[in-house]
């Protein structure tokens, strides 16, 4: 952080003369009618962690209204700076247990996004909605700009859910969704990767604590079943929101590459 930016924040702590919103410009994330807001700093090298210390109420209000906020052009020096920004905004970070996709652990509570073939697309989904415990907010940081492609597509879950037939929504709301996962057949992650252990007893203890039925099938194979919520009432917005998970995110091309029918 340069002296100009540092001094500006120091002065703001002593005076209310500089407002949070005066340090950024806000604009629609995409075309008219789409949700999301983009924030850009007015000053060069404005530190995201420094600005975030005083601006979370403002960011939260934008999130509640639009569902997504993109900070572009802020200074995020390294992983520690990214963590500092997230923690000023959201507090403690969650671990990634009961996994569904391969990710590398960068730092405590910080992971790579799904490690997936670059020529493939991951269907839209709600993060970890196949479990009964999921993050309230997701934070993404692009440390290296991709030379080509590179996307973080967004979808309005409430809008998608509202388009489902009313009788189908009623069934989901009444019964939830049962997720059945089979490990050890080459299609999904191994149970060792998912539960982050080599110990079957630890898997059984986790399943029991989280109301997951587990069945060992021999030859290192495991099958789990769990009934989870299909919908969730949004705490801030006060209305229903779709949480239904995609059934399978592996494309037909990837399946053929793995020789899985």
C-alpha atoms as a PDB file:
ATOM      1  CA  UNK A   1       0.000   0.000   0.000  1.00  0.00           C
ATOM      2  CA  UNK A   2       1.456   3.343  -0.959  1.00  0.00           C
ATOM      3  CA  UNK A   3       1.724   6.371   1.326  1.00  0.00           C
ATOM      4  CA  UNK A   4      -1.117   8.209  -0.394  1.00  0.00           C
ATOM      5  CA  UNK A   5      -3.588   5.409   0.198  1.00  0.00           C
ATOM      6  CA  UNK A   6      -2.359   4.714   3.729  1.00  0.00           C
ATOM      7  CA  UNK A   7      -2.608   8.348   4.688  1.00  0.00           C
ATOM      8  CA  UNK A   8      -6.115   8.595   3.278  1.00  0.00           C
ATOM      9  CA  UNK A   9      -7.329   5.754   5.454  1.00  0.00           C
ATOM     10  CA  UNK A  10      -5.556   7.186   8.481  1.00  0.00           C
ATOM     11  CA  UNK A  11      -7.328  10.492   7.969  1.00  0.00           C
ATOM     12  CA  UNK A  12     -10.648   8.770   7.520  1.00  0.00           C
ATOM     13  CA  UNK A  13     -10.348   7.092  10.896  1.00  0.00           C
ATOM     14  CA  UNK A  14      -9.993  10.547  12.436  1.00  0.00           C
ATOM     15  CA  UNK A  15     -12.692  12.221  10.392  1.00  0.00           C
ATOM     16  CA  UNK A  16     -15.884  11.288   8.635  1.00  0.00           C
ATOM     17  CA  UNK A  17     -14.988  13.623   5.783  1.00  0.00           C
ATOM     18  CA  UNK A  18     -14.120  10.726   3.442  1.00  0.00           C
ATOM     19  CA  UNK A  19     -16.930   8.247   2.925  1.00  0.00           C
ATOM     20  CA  UNK A  20     -16.528   4.596   1.993  1.00  0.00           C
ATOM     21  CA  UNK A  21     -18.433   5.036  -1.240  1.00  0.00           C
ATOM     22  CA  UNK A  22     -16.314   8.002  -2.336  1.00  0.00           C
ATOM     23  CA  UNK A  23     -13.291   5.690  -2.606  1.00  0.00           C
ATOM     24  CA  UNK A  24     -14.920   3.481  -5.245  1.00  0.00           C
ATOM     25  CA  UNK A  25     -17.106   3.664  -8.310  1.00  0.00           C
ATOM     26  CA  UNK A  26     -20.015   1.244  -8.686  1.00  0.00           C
ATOM     27  CA  UNK A  27     -21.476   0.008 -11.963  1.00  0.00           C
ATOM     28  CA  UNK A  28     -23.606  -2.921 -13.192  1.00  0.00           C
ATOM     29  CA  UNK A  29     -21.597  -6.118 -13.508  1.00  0.00           C
ATOM     30  CA  UNK A  30     -22.976  -6.916 -16.964  1.00  0.00           C
ATOM     31  CA  UNK A  31     -25.777  -5.800 -19.246  1.00  0.00           C
ATOM     32  CA  UNK A  32     -28.889  -4.015 -18.017  1.00  0.00           C
ATOM     33  CA  UNK A  33     -31.268  -6.248 -16.115  1.00  0.00           C
ATOM     34  CA  UNK A  34     -28.638  -8.751 -14.972  1.00  0.00           C
ATOM     35  CA  UNK A  35     -27.670  -8.975 -11.322  1.00  0.00           C
ATOM     36  CA  UNK A  36     -24.320  -8.080  -9.819  1.00  0.00           C
ATOM     37  CA  UNK A  37     -22.298  -4.946  -9.088  1.00  0.00           C
ATOM     38  CA  UNK A  38     -18.710  -4.069 -10.021  1.00  0.00           C
ATOM     39  CA  UNK A  39     -16.636  -1.859  -7.707  1.00  0.00           C
ATOM     40  CA  UNK A  40     -13.465  -0.123  -8.881  1.00  0.00           C
ATOM     41  CA  UNK A  41     -11.116   1.947  -6.687  1.00  0.00           C
ATOM     42  CA  UNK A  42     -10.780   5.659  -7.351  1.00  0.00           C
ATOM     43  CA  UNK A  43      -7.167   5.588  -6.130  1.00  0.00           C
ATOM     44  CA  UNK A  44      -4.396   3.452  -7.569  1.00  0.00           C
ATOM     45  CA  UNK A  45      -3.123   0.667  -5.295  1.00  0.00           C
ATOM     46  CA  UNK A  46      -6.090   0.861  -2.948  1.00  0.00           C
ATOM     47  CA  UNK A  47      -5.656  -2.127  -0.626  1.00  0.00           C
ATOM     48  CA  UNK A  48      -8.635  -4.479  -0.530  1.00  0.00           C
ATOM     49  CA  UNK A  49      -7.987  -5.501   3.121  1.00  0.00           C
ATOM     50  CA  UNK A  50      -7.641  -1.875   4.231  1.00  0.00           C
ATOM     51  CA  UNK A  51     -10.779  -0.789   2.427  1.00  0.00           C
ATOM     52  CA  UNK A  52     -12.620  -3.902   3.586  1.00  0.00           C
ATOM     53  CA  UNK A  53     -12.048  -3.085   7.259  1.00  0.00           C
ATOM     54  CA  UNK A  54     -14.452  -0.180   6.998  1.00  0.00           C
ATOM     55  CA  UNK A  55     -16.705  -1.155   4.124  1.00  0.00           C
ATOM     56  CA  UNK A  56     -18.304  -4.495   4.914  1.00  0.00           C
ATOM     57  CA  UNK A  57     -21.728  -3.020   5.679  1.00  0.00           C
ATOM     58  CA  UNK A  58     -21.671  -1.373   2.271  1.00  0.00           C
ATOM     59  CA  UNK A  59     -20.587  -4.586   0.508  1.00  0.00           C
ATOM     60  CA  UNK A  60     -23.186  -6.613   2.413  1.00  0.00           C
ATOM     61  CA  UNK A  61     -25.942  -4.248   1.323  1.00  0.00           C
ATOM     62  CA  UNK A  62     -24.871  -4.665  -2.310  1.00  0.00           C
ATOM     63  CA  UNK A  63     -24.776  -8.442  -1.912  1.00  0.00           C
ATOM     64  CA  UNK A  64     -28.249  -8.515  -0.392  1.00  0.00           C
ATOM     65  CA  UNK A  65     -29.598  -6.436  -3.260  1.00  0.00           C
ATOM     66  CA  UNK A  66     -27.752  -7.863  -6.250  1.00  0.00           C
ATOM     67  CA  UNK A  67     -26.356 -11.242  -5.155  1.00  0.00           C
ATOM     68  CA  UNK A  68     -22.773 -10.687  -6.362  1.00  0.00           C
ATOM     69  CA  UNK A  69     -20.061  -8.049  -6.048  1.00  0.00           C
ATOM     70  CA  UNK A  70     -16.907  -7.928  -8.181  1.00  0.00           C
ATOM     71  CA  UNK A  71     -13.943  -5.922  -6.866  1.00  0.00           C
ATOM     72  CA  UNK A  72     -11.695  -5.069  -9.802  1.00  0.00           C
ATOM     73  CA  UNK A  73      -8.444  -3.114  -9.654  1.00  0.00           C
ATOM     74  CA  UNK A  74      -7.888  -3.357  -5.900  1.00  0.00           C
ATOM     75  CA  UNK A  75      -4.503  -4.327  -4.504  1.00  0.00           C
ATOM     76  CA  UNK A  76      -4.331  -7.888  -3.148  1.00  0.00           C
ATOM     77  CA  UNK A  77      -0.635  -8.518  -2.598  1.00  0.00           C
ATOM     78  CA  UNK A  78      -0.715 -12.211  -1.718  1.00  0.00           C
ATOM     79  CA  UNK A  79      -2.705 -15.011  -0.088  1.00  0.00           C
ATOM     80  CA  UNK A  80      -2.359 -13.355   3.318  1.00  0.00           C
ATOM     81  CA  UNK A  81      -3.905 -10.157   1.963  1.00  0.00           C
ATOM     82  CA  UNK A  82      -6.769 -12.103   0.406  1.00  0.00           C
ATOM     83  CA  UNK A  83      -7.353 -13.883   3.715  1.00  0.00           C
ATOM     84  CA  UNK A  84      -7.302 -10.561   5.569  1.00  0.00           C
ATOM     85  CA  UNK A  85      -9.972  -9.127   3.269  1.00  0.00           C
ATOM     86  CA  UNK A  86     -12.197 -12.185   3.603  1.00  0.00           C
ATOM     87  CA  UNK A  87     -11.850 -12.313   7.376  1.00  0.00           C
ATOM     88  CA  UNK A  88     -12.717  -8.641   7.813  1.00  0.00           C
ATOM     89  CA  UNK A  89     -15.843  -9.372   5.804  1.00  0.00           C
ATOM     90  CA  UNK A  90     -16.881 -12.827   6.900  1.00  0.00           C
ATOM     91  CA  UNK A  91     -14.906 -13.884   9.974  1.00  0.00           C
ATOM     92  CA  UNK A  92     -13.733 -17.498  10.281  1.00  0.00           C
ATOM     93  CA  UNK A  93     -13.243 -19.532   7.103  1.00  0.00           C
ATOM     94  CA  UNK A  94     -14.713 -22.983   6.557  1.00  0.00           C
ATOM     95  CA  UNK A  95     -12.755 -26.105   5.724  1.00  0.00           C
ATOM     96  CA  UNK A  96     -13.546 -28.275   2.702  1.00  0.00           C
ATOM     97  CA  UNK A  97     -14.712 -31.586   4.168  1.00  0.00           C
ATOM     98  CA  UNK A  98     -17.125 -33.984   2.443  1.00  0.00           C
ATOM     99  CA  UNK A  99     -15.682 -32.950  -0.899  1.00  0.00           C
ATOM    100  CA  UNK A 100     -17.213 -33.321  -4.347  1.00  0.00           C
ATOM    101  CA  UNK A 101     -14.427 -32.049  -6.619  1.00  0.00           C
ATOM    102  CA  UNK A 102     -10.614 -32.041  -6.570  1.00  0.00           C
ATOM    103  CA  UNK A 103      -9.106 -28.867  -5.100  1.00  0.00           C
ATOM    104  CA  UNK A 104      -5.702 -28.046  -3.654  1.00  0.00           C
ATOM    105  CA  UNK A 105      -5.375 -26.437  -0.236  1.00  0.00           C
ATOM    106  CA  UNK A 106      -3.536 -23.101  -0.590  1.00  0.00           C
ATOM    107  CA  UNK A 107      -3.885 -21.965   3.022  1.00  0.00           C
ATOM    108  CA  UNK A 108      -6.253 -22.685   5.888  1.00  0.00           C
ATOM    109  CA  UNK A 109      -9.756 -22.200   4.508  1.00  0.00           C
ATOM    110  CA  UNK A 110      -8.456 -21.158   1.066  1.00  0.00           C
ATOM    111  CA  UNK A 111      -8.481 -23.565  -1.878  1.00  0.00           C
ATOM    112  CA  UNK A 112      -8.056 -23.588  -5.614  1.00  0.00           C
ATOM    113  CA  UNK A 113     -11.265 -23.590  -7.582  1.00  0.00           C
ATOM    114  CA  UNK A 114     -12.253 -26.973  -9.021  1.00  0.00           C
ATOM    115  CA  UNK A 115      -9.340 -28.528 -10.900  1.00  0.00           C
ATOM    116  CA  UNK A 116     -11.056 -29.552 -14.108  1.00  0.00           C
ATOM    117  CA  UNK A 117     -10.078 -29.881 -17.798  1.00  0.00           C
ATOM    118  CA  UNK A 118      -9.820 -26.413 -19.334  1.00  0.00           C
ATOM    119  CA  UNK A 119     -11.896 -27.407 -22.361  1.00  0.00           C
ATOM    120  CA  UNK A 120     -14.839 -28.525 -20.217  1.00  0.00           C
ATOM    121  CA  UNK A 121     -17.627 -26.594 -18.493  1.00  0.00           C
ATOM    122  CA  UNK A 122     -19.011 -27.154 -14.995  1.00  0.00           C
ATOM    123  CA  UNK A 123     -22.820 -26.843 -14.850  1.00  0.00           C
ATOM    124  CA  UNK A 124     -24.270 -24.117 -12.658  1.00  0.00           C
ATOM    125  CA  UNK A 125     -24.823 -25.176  -9.072  1.00  0.00           C
ATOM    126  CA  UNK A 126     -25.140 -23.977  -5.491  1.00  0.00           C
ATOM    127  CA  UNK A 127     -21.952 -24.530  -3.527  1.00  0.00           C
ATOM    128  CA  UNK A 128     -22.015 -27.654  -1.317  1.00  0.00           C
ATOM    129  CA  UNK A 129     -25.816 -27.837  -1.370  1.00  0.00           C
ATOM    130  CA  UNK A 130     -25.415 -31.630  -1.481  1.00  0.00           C
ATOM    131  CA  UNK A 131     -24.626 -31.368   2.253  1.00  0.00           C
ATOM    132  CA  UNK A 132     -26.441 -29.931   5.243  1.00  0.00           C
ATOM    133  CA  UNK A 133     -23.702 -27.404   5.919  1.00  0.00           C
ATOM    134  CA  UNK A 134     -22.594 -24.927   3.276  1.00  0.00           C
ATOM    135  CA  UNK A 135     -20.847 -21.551   3.116  1.00  0.00           C
ATOM    136  CA  UNK A 136     -23.007 -18.457   3.337  1.00  0.00           C
ATOM    137  CA  UNK A 137     -20.722 -16.554   0.987  1.00  0.00           C
ATOM    138  CA  UNK A 138     -18.013 -17.455  -1.522  1.00  0.00           C
ATOM    139  CA  UNK A 139     -14.955 -15.339  -2.232  1.00  0.00           C
ATOM    140  CA  UNK A 140     -12.934 -15.797  -5.425  1.00  0.00           C
ATOM    141  CA  UNK A 141      -9.569 -14.224  -6.204  1.00  0.00           C
ATOM    142  CA  UNK A 142      -7.801 -14.335  -9.568  1.00  0.00           C
ATOM    143  CA  UNK A 143      -4.075 -14.236  -8.798  1.00  0.00           C
ATOM    144  CA  UNK A 144      -2.955 -14.773 -12.419  1.00  0.00           C
ATOM    145  CA  UNK A 145      -5.067 -13.484 -15.285  1.00  0.00           C
ATOM    146  CA  UNK A 146      -5.666 -16.280 -17.837  1.00  0.00           C
ATOM    147  CA  UNK A 147      -4.236 -15.728 -21.292  1.00  0.00           C
ATOM    148  CA  UNK A 148      -7.385 -17.117 -22.899  1.00  0.00           C
ATOM    149  CA  UNK A 149     -10.856 -18.142 -21.741  1.00  0.00           C
ATOM    150  CA  UNK A 150     -11.305 -18.083 -17.982  1.00  0.00           C
ATOM    151  CA  UNK A 151     -14.844 -17.587 -16.706  1.00  0.00           C
ATOM    152  CA  UNK A 152     -16.754 -17.336 -13.452  1.00  0.00           C
ATOM    153  CA  UNK A 153     -20.361 -17.514 -14.678  1.00  0.00           C
ATOM    154  CA  UNK A 154     -23.191 -16.552 -12.332  1.00  0.00           C
ATOM    155  CA  UNK A 155     -26.809 -17.667 -12.205  1.00  0.00           C
ATOM    156  CA  UNK A 156     -29.808 -16.443 -10.228  1.00  0.00           C
ATOM    157  CA  UNK A 157     -30.821 -19.520  -8.222  1.00  0.00           C
ATOM    158  CA  UNK A 158     -34.066 -17.940  -7.096  1.00  0.00           C
ATOM    159  CA  UNK A 159     -34.979 -17.144 -10.676  1.00  0.00           C
ATOM    160  CA  UNK A 160     -34.175 -20.666 -11.852  1.00  0.00           C
ATOM    161  CA  UNK A 161     -36.132 -22.214  -9.000  1.00  0.00           C
ATOM    162  CA  UNK A 162     -39.140 -19.991  -9.687  1.00  0.00           C
ATOM    163  CA  UNK A 163     -39.305 -21.380 -13.230  1.00  0.00           C
ATOM    164  CA  UNK A 164     -39.857 -24.942 -12.005  1.00  0.00           C
ATOM    165  CA  UNK A 165     -43.470 -26.189 -12.053  1.00  0.00           C
ATOM    166  CA  UNK A 166     -45.249 -25.375  -8.810  1.00  0.00           C
ATOM    167  CA  UNK A 167     -46.137 -29.010  -8.086  1.00  0.00           C
ATOM    168  CA  UNK A 168     -42.493 -30.040  -8.510  1.00  0.00           C
ATOM    169  CA  UNK A 169     -41.336 -27.297  -6.135  1.00  0.00           C
ATOM    170  CA  UNK A 170     -43.907 -28.490  -3.594  1.00  0.00           C
ATOM    171  CA  UNK A 171     -42.521 -32.043  -3.758  1.00  0.00           C
ATOM    172  CA  UNK A 172     -38.964 -30.829  -3.281  1.00  0.00           C
ATOM    173  CA  UNK A 173     -39.975 -28.656  -0.338  1.00  0.00           C
ATOM    174  CA  UNK A 174     -41.896 -31.508   1.284  1.00  0.00           C
ATOM    175  CA  UNK A 175     -39.388 -34.325   0.799  1.00  0.00           C
ATOM    176  CA  UNK A 176     -35.966 -32.814   0.133  1.00  0.00           C
ATOM    177  CA  UNK A 177     -33.414 -34.593  -2.057  1.00  0.00           C
ATOM    178  CA  UNK A 178     -31.605 -37.894  -1.436  1.00  0.00           C
ATOM    179  CA  UNK A 179     -28.001 -37.932  -2.610  1.00  0.00           C
ATOM    180  CA  UNK A 180     -26.457 -41.351  -3.252  1.00  0.00           C
ATOM    181  CA  UNK A 181     -22.706 -41.426  -3.853  1.00  0.00           C
ATOM    182  CA  UNK A 182     -20.629 -44.420  -4.873  1.00  0.00           C
ATOM    183  CA  UNK A 183     -16.884 -44.282  -4.220  1.00  0.00           C
ATOM    184  CA  UNK A 184     -14.260 -46.537  -5.735  1.00  0.00           C
ATOM    185  CA  UNK A 185     -15.723 -47.043  -9.211  1.00  0.00           C
ATOM    186  CA  UNK A 186     -13.627 -44.493 -11.099  1.00  0.00           C
ATOM    187  CA  UNK A 187     -16.301 -41.824 -11.613  1.00  0.00           C
ATOM    188  CA  UNK A 188     -16.264 -39.859  -8.351  1.00  0.00           C
ATOM    189  CA  UNK A 189     -13.431 -38.925  -6.032  1.00  0.00           C
ATOM    190  CA  UNK A 190     -12.221 -41.696  -3.762  1.00  0.00           C
ATOM    191  CA  UNK A 191     -13.659 -41.777  -0.264  1.00  0.00           C
ATOM    192  CA  UNK A 192     -10.158 -41.018   1.017  1.00  0.00           C
ATOM    193  CA  UNK A 193     -10.171 -37.744  -0.939  1.00  0.00           C
ATOM    194  CA  UNK A 194     -13.739 -36.841  -0.010  1.00  0.00           C
ATOM    195  CA  UNK A 195     -13.378 -37.393   3.733  1.00  0.00           C
ATOM    196  CA  UNK A 196      -9.660 -36.520   3.931  1.00  0.00           C
ATOM    197  CA  UNK A 197      -8.690 -39.689   5.781  1.00  0.00           C
ATOM    198  CA  UNK A 198      -7.448 -43.237   5.157  1.00  0.00           C
ATOM    199  CA  UNK A 199      -9.316 -44.540   8.212  1.00  0.00           C
ATOM    200  CA  UNK A 200     -12.694 -46.189   7.642  1.00  0.00           C
ATOM    201  CA  UNK A 201     -13.649 -45.692  11.295  1.00  0.00           C
ATOM    202  CA  UNK A 202     -13.187 -41.933  10.906  1.00  0.00           C
ATOM    203  CA  UNK A 203     -15.450 -41.979   7.854  1.00  0.00           C
ATOM    204  CA  UNK A 204     -18.099 -43.867   9.813  1.00  0.00           C
ATOM    205  CA  UNK A 205     -17.844 -41.382  12.696  1.00  0.00           C
ATOM    206  CA  UNK A 206     -18.247 -38.426  10.324  1.00  0.00           C
ATOM    207  CA  UNK A 207     -21.239 -40.043   8.647  1.00  0.00           C
ATOM    208  CA  UNK A 208     -22.899 -40.795  11.974  1.00  0.00           C
ATOM    209  CA  UNK A 209     -22.363 -37.229  13.196  1.00  0.00           C
ATOM    210  CA  UNK A 210     -23.876 -35.829   9.983  1.00  0.00           C
ATOM    211  CA  UNK A 211     -26.782 -38.259   9.571  1.00  0.00           C
ATOM    212  CA  UNK A 212     -25.270 -39.942   6.504  1.00  0.00           C
ATOM    213  CA  UNK A 213     -25.920 -43.619   5.851  1.00  0.00           C
ATOM    214  CA  UNK A 214     -22.721 -45.398   4.822  1.00  0.00           C
ATOM    215  CA  UNK A 215     -22.220 -48.916   3.491  1.00  0.00           C
ATOM    216  CA  UNK A 216     -18.901 -50.624   2.778  1.00  0.00           C
ATOM    217  CA  UNK A 217     -19.213 -52.791  -0.318  1.00  0.00           C
ATOM    218  CA  UNK A 218     -15.841 -54.521  -0.304  1.00  0.00           C
ATOM    219  CA  UNK A 219     -12.732 -53.924  -2.414  1.00  0.00           C
ATOM    220  CA  UNK A 220     -12.414 -50.438  -0.967  1.00  0.00           C
ATOM    221  CA  UNK A 221     -15.800 -49.293  -2.257  1.00  0.00           C
ATOM    222  CA  UNK A 222     -18.218 -47.145  -0.263  1.00  0.00           C
ATOM    223  CA  UNK A 223     -21.812 -46.047  -0.800  1.00  0.00           C
ATOM    224  CA  UNK A 224     -23.405 -43.172   1.116  1.00  0.00           C
ATOM    225  CA  UNK A 225     -26.955 -41.850   1.269  1.00  0.00           C
ATOM    226  CA  UNK A 226     -28.192 -38.607   2.760  1.00  0.00           C
ATOM    227  CA  UNK A 227     -31.453 -36.676   2.533  1.00  0.00           C
ATOM    228  CA  UNK A 228     -30.775 -32.940   2.304  1.00  0.00           C
ATOM    229  CA  UNK A 229     -32.825 -29.793   1.957  1.00  0.00           C
ATOM    230  CA  UNK A 230     -33.935 -28.824  -1.537  1.00  0.00           C
ATOM    231  CA  UNK A 231     -34.754 -25.210  -0.689  1.00  0.00           C
ATOM    232  CA  UNK A 232     -33.717 -22.531   1.762  1.00  0.00           C
ATOM    233  CA  UNK A 233     -35.399 -19.345   2.959  1.00  0.00           C
ATOM    234  CA  UNK A 234     -33.008 -16.457   2.342  1.00  0.00           C
ATOM    235  CA  UNK A 235     -32.307 -14.791   5.686  1.00  0.00           C
ATOM    236  CA  UNK A 236     -31.844 -11.261   4.345  1.00  0.00           C
ATOM    237  CA  UNK A 237     -34.285 -11.345   1.449  1.00  0.00           C
ATOM    238  CA  UNK A 238     -37.009 -13.192   3.323  1.00  0.00           C
ATOM    239  CA  UNK A 239     -38.058 -15.433   0.461  1.00  0.00           C
ATOM    240  CA  UNK A 240     -37.397 -18.922  -0.805  1.00  0.00           C
ATOM    241  CA  UNK A 241     -34.247 -19.756  -2.704  1.00  0.00           C
ATOM    242  CA  UNK A 242     -33.463 -22.843  -4.748  1.00  0.00           C
ATOM    243  CA  UNK A 243     -30.697 -25.055  -3.403  1.00  0.00           C
ATOM    244  CA  UNK A 244     -31.211 -28.106  -5.594  1.00  0.00           C
ATOM    245  CA  UNK A 245     -27.868 -29.569  -6.586  1.00  0.00           C
ATOM    246  CA  UNK A 246     -26.887 -30.753 -10.041  1.00  0.00           C
ATOM    247  CA  UNK A 247     -27.064 -34.535 -10.368  1.00  0.00           C
ATOM    248  CA  UNK A 248     -23.699 -35.010 -12.038  1.00  0.00           C
ATOM    249  CA  UNK A 249     -21.147 -32.485 -13.232  1.00  0.00           C
ATOM    250  CA  UNK A 250     -18.922 -34.812 -15.227  1.00  0.00           C
ATOM    251  CA  UNK A 251     -19.458 -34.403 -18.947  1.00  0.00           C
ATOM    252  CA  UNK A 252     -19.885 -37.237 -21.418  1.00  0.00           C
ATOM    253  CA  UNK A 253     -16.477 -36.377 -22.903  1.00  0.00           C
ATOM    254  CA  UNK A 254     -14.752 -36.750 -19.538  1.00  0.00           C
ATOM    255  CA  UNK A 255     -16.576 -40.014 -18.924  1.00  0.00           C
ATOM    256  CA  UNK A 256     -15.346 -41.412 -22.223  1.00  0.00           C
ATOM    257  CA  UNK A 257     -11.822 -40.323 -21.363  1.00  0.00           C
ATOM    258  CA  UNK A 258     -12.100 -42.278 -18.120  1.00  0.00           C
ATOM    259  CA  UNK A 259     -13.684 -45.249 -19.932  1.00  0.00           C
ATOM    260  CA  UNK A 260     -16.680 -45.024 -17.673  1.00  0.00           C
ATOM    261  CA  UNK A 261     -20.029 -45.914 -19.211  1.00  0.00           C
END
